[in-house]
Amino acid sequence: MTKVFARFMKDESGATAIEYGLIAALIAVAAITAMGLVGNGLKNTFDEVQTELNS
C-alpha cells in the first residue's frame, strides 16, 4: 500500500495539465478585460464623432 501511495505522490503528469489550464484561463481573463476596455474606448470615440457630426 505504501508503494502505491509513494508512486501516486511522485506522479506529476496531471499537475502540468492543471498548470496549463490555469495559464490558459489567466490569459483568457486578461484578453477579455483588455478587449472590454478597448471596446469602451472605441464606443466613446464613435459617440464623440457622432455628436460632432450631428451638431
N, C-alpha and C. Protein backbone atom coordinates (compact mmCIF):
# COMPACT_ATOMS: atom_id res chain seq x y z
N MET A 1 0.82 -1.19 0.00
CA MET A 1 0.00 0.00 0.00
C MET A 1 0.86 1.26 0.00
N THR A 2 1.96 1.24 0.73
CA THR A 2 2.83 2.41 0.78
C THR A 2 3.51 2.65 -0.57
N LYS A 3 3.79 1.57 -1.32
CA LYS A 3 4.39 1.74 -2.65
C LYS A 3 3.42 2.42 -3.60
N VAL A 4 2.16 2.06 -3.50
CA VAL A 4 1.14 2.68 -4.36
C VAL A 4 1.02 4.16 -4.02
N PHE A 5 1.00 4.48 -2.74
CA PHE A 5 0.90 5.87 -2.30
C PHE A 5 2.13 6.67 -2.72
N ALA A 6 3.31 6.09 -2.57
CA ALA A 6 4.54 6.76 -2.96
C ALA A 6 4.58 7.01 -4.46
N ARG A 7 4.14 6.04 -5.24
CA ARG A 7 4.10 6.20 -6.69
C ARG A 7 3.09 7.29 -7.08
N PHE A 8 1.96 7.34 -6.37
CA PHE A 8 0.96 8.36 -6.62
C PHE A 8 1.50 9.75 -6.32
N MET A 9 2.26 9.89 -5.27
CA MET A 9 2.82 11.18 -4.87
C MET A 9 3.90 11.66 -5.85
N LYS A 10 4.61 10.73 -6.47
CA LYS A 10 5.67 11.10 -7.42
C LYS A 10 5.13 11.41 -8.81
N ASP A 11 3.92 10.94 -9.11
CA ASP A 11 3.33 11.15 -10.43
C ASP A 11 2.90 12.61 -10.58
N GLU A 12 3.52 13.33 -11.51
CA GLU A 12 3.20 14.74 -11.72
C GLU A 12 2.61 15.01 -13.10
N SER A 13 2.16 13.98 -13.78
CA SER A 13 1.66 14.17 -15.14
C SER A 13 0.38 15.00 -15.15
N GLY A 14 -0.48 14.85 -14.16
CA GLY A 14 -1.70 15.65 -14.10
C GLY A 14 -1.43 17.08 -13.69
N ALA A 15 -0.37 17.31 -12.95
CA ALA A 15 -0.07 18.65 -12.46
C ALA A 15 0.25 19.60 -13.62
N THR A 16 0.95 19.13 -14.62
CA THR A 16 1.28 20.01 -15.74
C THR A 16 0.03 20.39 -16.53
N ALA A 17 -0.90 19.45 -16.67
CA ALA A 17 -2.14 19.75 -17.38
C ALA A 17 -2.94 20.80 -16.62
N ILE A 18 -2.97 20.70 -15.31
CA ILE A 18 -3.68 21.69 -14.50
C ILE A 18 -3.00 23.05 -14.61
N GLU A 19 -1.69 23.06 -14.59
CA GLU A 19 -0.95 24.32 -14.72
C GLU A 19 -1.23 24.98 -16.07
N TYR A 20 -1.23 24.20 -17.14
CA TYR A 20 -1.53 24.76 -18.45
C TYR A 20 -2.96 25.29 -18.50
N GLY A 21 -3.86 24.60 -17.86
CA GLY A 21 -5.25 25.06 -17.80
C GLY A 21 -5.37 26.38 -17.05
N LEU A 22 -4.66 26.52 -15.94
CA LEU A 22 -4.69 27.76 -15.19
C LEU A 22 -4.07 28.91 -15.97
N ILE A 23 -2.98 28.64 -16.68
CA ILE A 23 -2.36 29.67 -17.50
C ILE A 23 -3.31 30.10 -18.62
N ALA A 24 -3.96 29.15 -19.26
CA ALA A 24 -4.91 29.49 -20.33
C ALA A 24 -6.07 30.31 -19.79
N ALA A 25 -6.56 29.97 -18.60
CA ALA A 25 -7.65 30.73 -18.00
C ALA A 25 -7.21 32.15 -17.67
N LEU A 26 -6.00 32.31 -17.17
CA LEU A 26 -5.48 33.63 -16.84
C LEU A 26 -5.34 34.48 -18.11
N ILE A 27 -4.83 33.89 -19.18
CA ILE A 27 -4.70 34.61 -20.44
C ILE A 27 -6.07 35.01 -20.98
N ALA A 28 -7.04 34.12 -20.85
CA ALA A 28 -8.39 34.42 -21.32
C ALA A 28 -9.00 35.59 -20.54
N VAL A 29 -8.83 35.60 -19.23
CA VAL A 29 -9.37 36.69 -18.42
C VAL A 29 -8.69 38.01 -18.79
N ALA A 30 -7.38 37.98 -18.98
CA ALA A 30 -6.66 39.19 -19.38
C ALA A 30 -7.13 39.68 -20.75
N ALA A 31 -7.34 38.78 -21.68
CA ALA A 31 -7.78 39.16 -23.02
C ALA A 31 -9.19 39.75 -22.99
N ILE A 32 -10.08 39.14 -22.22
CA ILE A 32 -11.45 39.65 -22.12
C ILE A 32 -11.45 41.04 -21.50
N THR A 33 -10.65 41.23 -20.47
CA THR A 33 -10.56 42.54 -19.83
C THR A 33 -10.02 43.59 -20.80
N ALA A 34 -8.96 43.26 -21.50
CA ALA A 34 -8.37 44.20 -22.46
C ALA A 34 -9.34 44.54 -23.57
N MET A 35 -10.03 43.55 -24.10
CA MET A 35 -10.98 43.80 -25.17
C MET A 35 -12.15 44.64 -24.69
N GLY A 36 -12.56 44.43 -23.46
CA GLY A 36 -13.63 45.25 -22.90
C GLY A 36 -13.22 46.71 -22.79
N LEU A 37 -12.00 46.95 -22.33
CA LEU A 37 -11.51 48.31 -22.20
C LEU A 37 -11.36 48.98 -23.57
N VAL A 38 -10.82 48.26 -24.52
CA VAL A 38 -10.67 48.80 -25.87
C VAL A 38 -12.05 49.07 -26.48
N GLY A 39 -12.98 48.17 -26.25
CA GLY A 39 -14.34 48.34 -26.77
C GLY A 39 -15.00 49.58 -26.20
N ASN A 40 -14.85 49.81 -24.90
CA ASN A 40 -15.43 51.01 -24.28
C ASN A 40 -14.79 52.27 -24.83
N GLY A 41 -13.48 52.24 -25.04
CA GLY A 41 -12.79 53.39 -25.61
C GLY A 41 -13.27 53.70 -27.02
N LEU A 42 -13.45 52.65 -27.83
CA LEU A 42 -13.94 52.84 -29.20
C LEU A 42 -15.36 53.39 -29.20
N LYS A 43 -16.18 52.88 -28.31
CA LYS A 43 -17.56 53.37 -28.22
C LYS A 43 -17.57 54.85 -27.88
N ASN A 44 -16.76 55.25 -26.93
CA ASN A 44 -16.70 56.67 -26.56
C ASN A 44 -16.22 57.52 -27.73
N THR A 45 -15.24 57.03 -28.46
CA THR A 45 -14.73 57.77 -29.61
C THR A 45 -15.80 57.94 -30.68
N PHE A 46 -16.50 56.86 -31.00
CA PHE A 46 -17.55 56.95 -32.02
C PHE A 46 -18.72 57.80 -31.55
N ASP A 47 -19.03 57.77 -30.26
CA ASP A 47 -20.08 58.64 -29.72
C ASP A 47 -19.70 60.11 -29.88
N GLU A 48 -18.43 60.43 -29.63
CA GLU A 48 -17.96 61.81 -29.80
C GLU A 48 -18.03 62.23 -31.27
N VAL A 49 -17.64 61.35 -32.17
CA VAL A 49 -17.70 61.65 -33.61
C VAL A 49 -19.16 61.87 -34.03
N GLN A 50 -20.03 61.04 -33.55
CA GLN A 50 -21.45 61.17 -33.89
C GLN A 50 -22.01 62.49 -33.38
N THR A 51 -21.64 62.86 -32.18
CA THR A 51 -22.10 64.12 -31.61
C THR A 51 -21.61 65.30 -32.43
N GLU A 52 -20.35 65.27 -32.84
CA GLU A 52 -19.80 66.35 -33.65
C GLU A 52 -20.46 66.41 -35.03
N LEU A 53 -20.75 65.28 -35.61
CA LEU A 53 -21.38 65.26 -36.93
C LEU A 53 -22.82 65.76 -36.86
N ASN A 54 -23.51 65.47 -35.76
CA ASN A 54 -24.90 65.89 -35.62
C ASN A 54 -25.03 67.39 -35.31
N SER A 55 -23.99 68.00 -34.79
CA SER A 55 -24.11 69.42 -34.44
C SER A 55 -23.56 70.34 -35.49
